[in-house]
Amino acid sequence: MSDKPWLFPVCVICTRTNQTLKVGTTREAWKMLLDMWPVADGHRFLSALRICMDVEHGIGEPADARDAFIAAAEEAGVTIEA
């Protein structure tokens, strides 16, 4: 996964722990989607996973992964500060 920093990180607020987690790379977004996401389905969730993998393979830009991650958060009702 790409460790190239996003121009603007996204802060995810975990409602269970009230902890704020910073997501600043495609790798971090992909890992959060796989390991910590409250849902494992949904069009935007699956799209975000695919776009993160595409960015890893040189298709698209890290900003595409950031946008997809934000869309997945909106779909899942995850509170973010972008």
PDB file of N, CA and C in Angstrom:
ATOM      1  N   MET A   1       0.832  -1.188   0.000  1.00  0.00           N
ATOM      2  CA  MET A   1       0.000   0.000   0.000  1.00  0.00           C
ATOM      3  C   MET A   1       0.871   1.243   0.000  1.00  0.00           C
ATOM      4  N   SER A   2       0.294   2.294  -0.481  1.00  0.00           N
ATOM      5  CA  SER A   2       1.022   3.551  -0.606  1.00  0.00           C
ATOM      6  C   SER A   2       1.150   4.252   0.738  1.00  0.00           C
ATOM      7  N   ASP A   3       2.392   4.561   1.088  1.00  0.00           N
ATOM      8  CA  ASP A   3       2.649   5.334   2.297  1.00  0.00           C
ATOM      9  C   ASP A   3       2.838   6.810   1.973  1.00  0.00           C
ATOM     10  N   LYS A   4       2.606   7.182   0.708  1.00  0.00           N
ATOM     11  CA  LYS A   4       2.712   8.586   0.329  1.00  0.00           C
ATOM     12  C   LYS A   4       1.632   9.365   1.082  1.00  0.00           C
ATOM     13  N   PRO A   5       2.028  10.377   1.846  1.00  0.00           N
ATOM     14  CA  PRO A   5       1.042  11.109   2.652  1.00  0.00           C
ATOM     15  C   PRO A   5      -0.001  11.815   1.796  1.00  0.00           C
ATOM     16  N   TRP A   6      -1.238  11.775   2.280  1.00  0.00           N
ATOM     17  CA  TRP A   6      -2.300  12.554   1.665  1.00  0.00           C
ATOM     18  C   TRP A   6      -2.037  14.014   1.962  1.00  0.00           C
ATOM     19  N   LEU A   7      -2.435  14.873   1.077  1.00  0.00           N
ATOM     20  CA  LEU A   7      -2.260  16.307   1.275  1.00  0.00           C
ATOM     21  C   LEU A   7      -2.999  16.771   2.524  1.00  0.00           C
ATOM     22  N   PHE A   8      -4.193  16.228   2.737  1.00  0.00           N
ATOM     23  CA  PHE A   8      -4.996  16.565   3.914  1.00  0.00           C
ATOM     24  C   PHE A   8      -5.453  15.275   4.579  1.00  0.00           C
ATOM     25  N   PRO A   9      -4.901  14.947   5.752  1.00  0.00           N
ATOM     26  CA  PRO A   9      -5.339  13.747   6.460  1.00  0.00           C
ATOM     27  C   PRO A   9      -6.814  13.852   6.866  1.00  0.00           C
ATOM     28  N   VAL A  10      -7.399  12.709   7.168  1.00  0.00           N
ATOM     29  CA  VAL A  10      -8.777  12.627   7.636  1.00  0.00           C
ATOM     30  C   VAL A  10      -8.737  12.124   9.073  1.00  0.00           C
ATOM     31  N   CYS A  11      -9.474  12.773   9.956  1.00  0.00           N
ATOM     32  CA  CYS A  11      -9.568  12.316  11.341  1.00  0.00           C
ATOM     33  C   CYS A  11     -10.891  11.577  11.511  1.00  0.00           C
ATOM     34  N   VAL A  12     -10.797  10.350  12.006  1.00  0.00           N
ATOM     35  CA  VAL A  12     -11.963   9.503  12.235  1.00  0.00           C
ATOM     36  C   VAL A  12     -12.218   9.475  13.737  1.00  0.00           C
ATOM     37  N   ILE A  13     -13.458   9.728  14.115  1.00  0.00           N
ATOM     38  CA  ILE A  13     -13.808   9.736  15.532  1.00  0.00           C
ATOM     39  C   ILE A  13     -14.526   8.430  15.853  1.00  0.00           C
ATOM     40  N   CYS A  14     -13.918   7.644  16.704  1.00  0.00           N
ATOM     41  CA  CYS A  14     -14.476   6.360  17.118  1.00  0.00           C
ATOM     42  C   CYS A  14     -15.521   6.621  18.202  1.00  0.00           C
ATOM     43  N   THR A  15     -16.783   6.352  17.888  1.00  0.00           N
ATOM     44  CA  THR A  15     -17.848   6.635  18.849  1.00  0.00           C
ATOM     45  C   THR A  15     -17.793   5.706  20.059  1.00  0.00           C
ATOM     46  N   ARG A  16     -17.246   4.528  19.886  1.00  0.00           N
ATOM     47  CA  ARG A  16     -17.158   3.569  20.990  1.00  0.00           C
ATOM     48  C   ARG A  16     -16.164   4.023  22.055  1.00  0.00           C
ATOM     49  N   THR A  17     -15.015   4.547  21.621  1.00  0.00           N
ATOM     50  CA  THR A  17     -13.955   4.940  22.564  1.00  0.00           C
ATOM     51  C   THR A  17     -13.789   6.450  22.670  1.00  0.00           C
ATOM     52  N   ASN A  18     -14.487   7.197  21.807  1.00  0.00           N
ATOM     53  CA  ASN A  18     -14.343   8.656  21.723  1.00  0.00           C
ATOM     54  C   ASN A  18     -12.909   9.062  21.381  1.00  0.00           C
ATOM     55  N   GLN A  19     -12.200   8.180  20.751  1.00  0.00           N
ATOM     56  CA  GLN A  19     -10.818   8.426  20.343  1.00  0.00           C
ATOM     57  C   GLN A  19     -10.805   8.939  18.905  1.00  0.00           C
ATOM     58  N   THR A  20      -9.902   9.871  18.619  1.00  0.00           N
ATOM     59  CA  THR A  20      -9.740  10.387  17.263  1.00  0.00           C
ATOM     60  C   THR A  20      -8.518   9.725  16.640  1.00  0.00           C
ATOM     61  N   LEU A  21      -8.720   9.121  15.476  1.00  0.00           N
ATOM     62  CA  LEU A  21      -7.647   8.442  14.765  1.00  0.00           C
ATOM     63  C   LEU A  21      -7.368   9.179  13.469  1.00  0.00           C
ATOM     64  N   LYS A  22      -6.099   9.459  13.200  1.00  0.00           N
ATOM     65  CA  LYS A  22      -5.710  10.173  11.987  1.00  0.00           C
ATOM     66  C   LYS A  22      -5.377   9.184  10.877  1.00  0.00           C
ATOM     67  N   VAL A  23      -5.986   9.389   9.724  1.00  0.00           N
ATOM     68  CA  VAL A  23      -5.728   8.570   8.536  1.00  0.00           C
ATOM     69  C   VAL A  23      -5.093   9.502   7.517  1.00  0.00           C
ATOM     70  N   GLY A  24      -3.833   9.227   7.181  1.00  0.00           N
ATOM     71  CA  GLY A  24      -3.108  10.136   6.309  1.00  0.00           C
ATOM     72  C   GLY A  24      -2.464   9.504   5.097  1.00  0.00           C
ATOM     73  N   THR A  25      -2.698   8.187   4.888  1.00  0.00           N
ATOM     74  CA  THR A  25      -2.153   7.503   3.715  1.00  0.00           C
ATOM     75  C   THR A  25      -3.177   6.482   3.222  1.00  0.00           C
ATOM     76  N   THR A  26      -3.003   6.040   2.005  1.00  0.00           N
ATOM     77  CA  THR A  26      -3.883   5.007   1.456  1.00  0.00           C
ATOM     78  C   THR A  26      -3.751   3.722   2.255  1.00  0.00           C
ATOM     79  N   ARG A  27      -2.554   3.397   2.685  1.00  0.00           N
ATOM     80  CA  ARG A  27      -2.340   2.184   3.498  1.00  0.00           C
ATOM     81  C   ARG A  27      -3.137   2.241   4.791  1.00  0.00           C
ATOM     82  N   GLU A  28      -3.106   3.387   5.460  1.00  0.00           N
ATOM     83  CA  GLU A  28      -3.852   3.546   6.712  1.00  0.00           C
ATOM     84  C   GLU A  28      -5.356   3.429   6.467  1.00  0.00           C
ATOM     85  N   ALA A  29      -5.835   4.011   5.380  1.00  0.00           N
ATOM     86  CA  ALA A  29      -7.259   3.938   5.047  1.00  0.00           C
ATOM     87  C   ALA A  29      -7.669   2.489   4.786  1.00  0.00           C
ATOM     88  N   TRP A  30      -6.884   1.782   3.975  1.00  0.00           N
ATOM     89  CA  TRP A  30      -7.175   0.391   3.641  1.00  0.00           C
ATOM     90  C   TRP A  30      -7.213  -0.469   4.900  1.00  0.00           C
ATOM     91  N   LYS A  31      -6.229  -0.280   5.773  1.00  0.00           N
ATOM     92  CA  LYS A  31      -6.163  -1.059   7.008  1.00  0.00           C
ATOM     93  C   LYS A  31      -7.366  -0.771   7.902  1.00  0.00           C
ATOM     94  N   MET A  32      -7.751   0.513   8.006  1.00  0.00           N
ATOM     95  CA  MET A  32      -8.904   0.850   8.829  1.00  0.00           C
ATOM     96  C   MET A  32     -10.185   0.244   8.246  1.00  0.00           C
ATOM     97  N   LEU A  33     -10.334   0.314   6.944  1.00  0.00           N
ATOM     98  CA  LEU A  33     -11.517  -0.267   6.309  1.00  0.00           C
ATOM     99  C   LEU A  33     -11.609  -1.772   6.576  1.00  0.00           C
ATOM    100  N   LEU A  34     -10.491  -2.456   6.530  1.00  0.00           N
ATOM    101  CA  LEU A  34     -10.486  -3.905   6.737  1.00  0.00           C
ATOM    102  C   LEU A  34     -10.594  -4.315   8.202  1.00  0.00           C
ATOM    103  N   ASP A  35      -9.931  -3.581   9.085  1.00  0.00           N
ATOM    104  CA  ASP A  35      -9.798  -4.032  10.478  1.00  0.00           C
ATOM    105  C   ASP A  35     -10.738  -3.356  11.467  1.00  0.00           C
ATOM    106  N   MET A  36     -11.191  -2.143  11.157  1.00  0.00           N
ATOM    107  CA  MET A  36     -11.913  -1.384  12.182  1.00  0.00           C
ATOM    108  C   MET A  36     -13.270  -0.848  11.734  1.00  0.00           C
ATOM    109  N   TRP A  37     -13.623  -1.081  10.493  1.00  0.00           N
ATOM    110  CA  TRP A  37     -14.840  -0.468   9.945  1.00  0.00           C
ATOM    111  C   TRP A  37     -16.076  -1.105  10.562  1.00  0.00           C
ATOM    112  N   PRO A  38     -17.102  -0.313  10.872  1.00  0.00           N
ATOM    113  CA  PRO A  38     -18.293  -0.867  11.536  1.00  0.00           C
ATOM    114  C   PRO A  38     -19.186  -1.708  10.628  1.00  0.00           C
ATOM    115  N   VAL A  39     -18.992  -1.624   9.317  1.00  0.00           N
ATOM    116  CA  VAL A  39     -19.773  -2.440   8.385  1.00  0.00           C
ATOM    117  C   VAL A  39     -18.818  -3.074   7.380  1.00  0.00           C
ATOM    118  N   ALA A  40     -19.219  -4.202   6.846  1.00  0.00           N
ATOM    119  CA  ALA A  40     -18.371  -4.894   5.869  1.00  0.00           C
ATOM    120  C   ALA A  40     -19.102  -5.059   4.550  1.00  0.00           C
ATOM    121  N   ASP A  41     -19.975  -4.114   4.266  1.00  0.00           N
ATOM    122  CA  ASP A  41     -20.676  -4.144   2.994  1.00  0.00           C
ATOM    123  C   ASP A  41     -21.041  -2.712   2.621  1.00  0.00           C
ATOM    124  N   GLY A  42     -21.737  -2.568   1.558  1.00  0.00           N
ATOM    125  CA  GLY A  42     -22.109  -1.243   1.086  1.00  0.00           C
ATOM    126  C   GLY A  42     -21.309  -0.873  -0.148  1.00  0.00           C
ATOM    127  N   HIS A  43     -21.969  -0.196  -1.056  1.00  0.00           N
ATOM    128  CA  HIS A  43     -21.349   0.177  -2.324  1.00  0.00           C
ATOM    129  C   HIS A  43     -20.097   1.032  -2.120  1.00  0.00           C
ATOM    130  N   ARG A  44     -20.191   2.046  -1.285  1.00  0.00           N
ATOM    131  CA  ARG A  44     -19.050   2.948  -1.092  1.00  0.00           C
ATOM    132  C   ARG A  44     -17.911   2.272  -0.330  1.00  0.00           C
ATOM    133  N   PHE A  45     -18.240   1.386   0.598  1.00  0.00           N
ATOM    134  CA  PHE A  45     -17.215   0.630   1.315  1.00  0.00           C
ATOM    135  C   PHE A  45     -16.408  -0.223   0.331  1.00  0.00           C
ATOM    136  N   LEU A  46     -17.122  -0.988  -0.496  1.00  0.00           N
ATOM    137  CA  LEU A  46     -16.442  -1.846  -1.466  1.00  0.00           C
ATOM    138  C   LEU A  46     -15.672  -1.029  -2.496  1.00  0.00           C
ATOM    139  N   SER A  47     -16.236   0.092  -2.891  1.00  0.00           N
ATOM    140  CA  SER A  47     -15.549   0.976  -3.834  1.00  0.00           C
ATOM    141  C   SER A  47     -14.263   1.525  -3.223  1.00  0.00           C
ATOM    142  N   ALA A  48     -14.308   1.913  -1.958  1.00  0.00           N
ATOM    143  CA  ALA A  48     -13.112   2.435  -1.296  1.00  0.00           C
ATOM    144  C   ALA A  48     -12.013   1.380  -1.231  1.00  0.00           C
ATOM    145  N   LEU A  49     -12.373   0.145  -0.921  1.00  0.00           N
ATOM    146  CA  LEU A  49     -11.371  -0.930  -0.909  1.00  0.00           C
ATOM    147  C   LEU A  49     -10.741  -1.098  -2.291  1.00  0.00           C
ATOM    148  N   ARG A  50     -11.584  -1.099  -3.325  1.00  0.00           N
ATOM    149  CA  ARG A  50     -11.083  -1.266  -4.692  1.00  0.00           C
ATOM    150  C   ARG A  50     -10.179  -0.108  -5.092  1.00  0.00           C
ATOM    151  N   ILE A  51     -10.593   1.100  -4.776  1.00  0.00           N
ATOM    152  CA  ILE A  51      -9.792   2.268  -5.149  1.00  0.00           C
ATOM    153  C   ILE A  51      -8.464   2.270  -4.401  1.00  0.00           C
ATOM    154  N   CYS A  52      -8.463   1.887  -3.134  1.00  0.00           N
ATOM    155  CA  CYS A  52      -7.190   1.791  -2.392  1.00  0.00           C
ATOM    156  C   CYS A  52      -6.260   0.794  -3.070  1.00  0.00           C
ATOM    157  N   MET A  53      -6.788  -0.339  -3.503  1.00  0.00           N
ATOM    158  CA  MET A  53      -5.966  -1.328  -4.193  1.00  0.00           C
ATOM    159  C   MET A  53      -5.494  -0.789  -5.546  1.00  0.00           C
ATOM    160  N   ASP A  54      -6.364  -0.076  -6.251  1.00  0.00           N
ATOM    161  CA  ASP A  54      -5.971   0.513  -7.534  1.00  0.00           C
ATOM    162  C   ASP A  54      -4.816   1.492  -7.349  1.00  0.00           C
ATOM    163  N   VAL A  55      -4.918   2.338  -6.329  1.00  0.00           N
ATOM    164  CA  VAL A  55      -3.849   3.309  -6.064  1.00  0.00           C
ATOM    165  C   VAL A  55      -2.543   2.576  -5.779  1.00  0.00           C
ATOM    166  N   GLU A  56      -2.627   1.489  -5.047  1.00  0.00           N
ATOM    167  CA  GLU A  56      -1.439   0.685  -4.764  1.00  0.00           C
ATOM    168  C   GLU A  56      -0.807   0.156  -6.050  1.00  0.00           C
ATOM    169  N   HIS A  57      -1.631  -0.140  -7.032  1.00  0.00           N
ATOM    170  CA  HIS A  57      -1.135  -0.670  -8.303  1.00  0.00           C
ATOM    171  C   HIS A  57      -0.877   0.410  -9.341  1.00  0.00           C
ATOM    172  N   GLY A  58      -0.869   1.653  -8.904  1.00  0.00           N
ATOM    173  CA  GLY A  58      -0.527   2.755  -9.801  1.00  0.00           C
ATOM    174  C   GLY A  58      -1.670   3.277 -10.643  1.00  0.00           C
ATOM    175  N   ILE A  59      -2.885   2.845 -10.331  1.00  0.00           N
ATOM    176  CA  ILE A  59      -4.064   3.324 -11.050  1.00  0.00           C
ATOM    177  C   ILE A  59      -4.763   4.328 -10.151  1.00  0.00           C
ATOM    178  N   GLY A  60      -4.730   5.578 -10.527  1.00  0.00           N
ATOM    179  CA  GLY A  60      -5.329   6.612  -9.693  1.00  0.00           C
ATOM    180  C   GLY A  60      -4.303   7.253  -8.778  1.00  0.00           C
ATOM    181  N   GLU A  61      -4.772   8.215  -8.055  1.00  0.00           N
ATOM    182  CA  GLU A  61      -3.920   9.005  -7.165  1.00  0.00           C
ATOM    183  C   GLU A  61      -4.349   8.814  -5.712  1.00  0.00           C
ATOM    184  N   PRO A  62      -3.447   9.079  -4.760  1.00  0.00           N
ATOM    185  CA  PRO A  62      -3.829   9.000  -3.358  1.00  0.00           C
ATOM    186  C   PRO A  62      -5.069   9.839  -3.021  1.00  0.00           C
ATOM    187  N   ALA A  63      -5.253  10.960  -3.696  1.00  0.00           N
ATOM    188  CA  ALA A  63      -6.442  11.781  -3.440  1.00  0.00           C
ATOM    189  C   ALA A  63      -7.722  11.018  -3.791  1.00  0.00           C
ATOM    190  N   ASP A  64      -7.652  10.112  -4.773  1.00  0.00           N
ATOM    191  CA  ASP A  64      -8.814   9.289  -5.113  1.00  0.00           C
ATOM    192  C   ASP A  64      -9.174   8.372  -3.944  1.00  0.00           C
ATOM    193  N   ALA A  65      -8.153   7.799  -3.317  1.00  0.00           N
ATOM    194  CA  ALA A  65      -8.374   6.924  -2.167  1.00  0.00           C
ATOM    195  C   ALA A  65      -8.958   7.721  -0.996  1.00  0.00           C
ATOM    196  N   ARG A  66      -8.461   8.936  -0.796  1.00  0.00           N
ATOM    197  CA  ARG A  66      -8.983   9.790   0.279  1.00  0.00           C
ATOM    198  C   ARG A  66     -10.456  10.091   0.049  1.00  0.00           C
ATOM    199  N   ASP A  67     -10.809  10.475  -1.162  1.00  0.00           N
ATOM    200  CA  ASP A  67     -12.202  10.782  -1.487  1.00  0.00           C
ATOM    201  C   ASP A  67     -13.101   9.564  -1.280  1.00  0.00           C
ATOM    202  N   ALA A  68     -12.631   8.409  -1.704  1.00  0.00           N
ATOM    203  CA  ALA A  68     -13.413   7.178  -1.550  1.00  0.00           C
ATOM    204  C   ALA A  68     -13.561   6.809  -0.075  1.00  0.00           C
ATOM    205  N   PHE A  69     -12.519   7.030   0.703  1.00  0.00           N
ATOM    206  CA  PHE A  69     -12.571   6.752   2.144  1.00  0.00           C
ATOM    207  C   PHE A  69     -13.615   7.641   2.814  1.00  0.00           C
ATOM    208  N   ILE A  70     -13.636   8.912   2.456  1.00  0.00           N
ATOM    209  CA  ILE A  70     -14.617   9.841   3.013  1.00  0.00           C
ATOM    210  C   ILE A  70     -16.035   9.418   2.629  1.00  0.00           C
ATOM    211  N   ALA A  71     -16.224   9.008   1.385  1.00  0.00           N
ATOM    212  CA  ALA A  71     -17.542   8.545   0.937  1.00  0.00           C
ATOM    213  C   ALA A  71     -17.976   7.298   1.713  1.00  0.00           C
ATOM    214  N   ALA A  72     -17.049   6.381   1.966  1.00  0.00           N
ATOM    215  CA  ALA A  72     -17.362   5.173   2.735  1.00  0.00           C
ATOM    216  C   ALA A  72     -17.740   5.540   4.169  1.00  0.00           C
ATOM    217  N   ALA A  73     -17.069   6.533   4.727  1.00  0.00           N
ATOM    218  CA  ALA A  73     -17.390   6.981   6.080  1.00  0.00           C
ATOM    219  C   ALA A  73     -18.808   7.552   6.132  1.00  0.00           C
ATOM    220  N   GLU A  74     -19.146   8.359   5.147  1.00  0.00           N
ATOM    221  CA  GLU A  74     -20.501   8.928   5.088  1.00  0.00           C
ATOM    222  C   GLU A  74     -21.547   7.821   4.988  1.00  0.00           C
ATOM    223  N   GLU A  75     -21.273   6.838   4.151  1.00  0.00           N
ATOM    224  CA  GLU A  75     -22.206   5.715   3.976  1.00  0.00           C
ATOM    225  C   GLU A  75     -22.401   4.945   5.279  1.00  0.00           C
ATOM    226  N   ALA A  76     -21.318   4.757   6.031  1.00  0.00           N
ATOM    227  CA  ALA A  76     -21.369   3.946   7.251  1.00  0.00           C
ATOM    228  C   ALA A  76     -21.767   4.741   8.486  1.00  0.00           C
ATOM    229  N   GLY A  77     -21.908   6.058   8.346  1.00  0.00           N
ATOM    230  CA  GLY A  77     -22.242   6.885   9.496  1.00  0.00           C
ATOM    231  C   GLY A  77     -21.074   7.104  10.439  1.00  0.00           C
ATOM    232  N   VAL A  78     -19.871   6.975   9.909  1.00  0.00           N
ATOM    233  CA  VAL A  78     -18.655   7.190  10.693  1.00  0.00           C
ATOM    234  C   VAL A  78     -18.371   8.690  10.734  1.00  0.00           C
ATOM    235  N   THR A  79     -18.167   9.221  11.929  1.00  0.00           N
ATOM    236  CA  THR A  79     -17.902  10.642  12.084  1.00  0.00           C
ATOM    237  C   THR A  79     -16.459  10.937  11.711  1.00  0.00           C
ATOM    238  N   ILE A  80     -16.275  11.913  10.828  1.00  0.00           N
ATOM    239  CA  ILE A  80     -14.927  12.296  10.404  1.00  0.00           C
ATOM    240  C   ILE A  80     -14.783  13.810  10.452  1.00  0.00           C
ATOM    241  N   GLU A  81     -13.532  14.216  10.475  1.00  0.00           N
ATOM    242  CA  GLU A  81     -13.155  15.605  10.279  1.00  0.00           C
ATOM    243  C   GLU A  81     -12.206  15.593   9.095  1.00  0.00           C
ATOM    244  N   ALA A  82     -12.639  16.151   7.980  1.00  0.00           N
ATOM    245  CA  ALA A  82     -11.816  16.102   6.767  1.00  0.00           C
ATOM    246  C   ALA A  82     -11.231  17.464   6.469  1.00  0.00           C
TER     247      ALA A  82
END
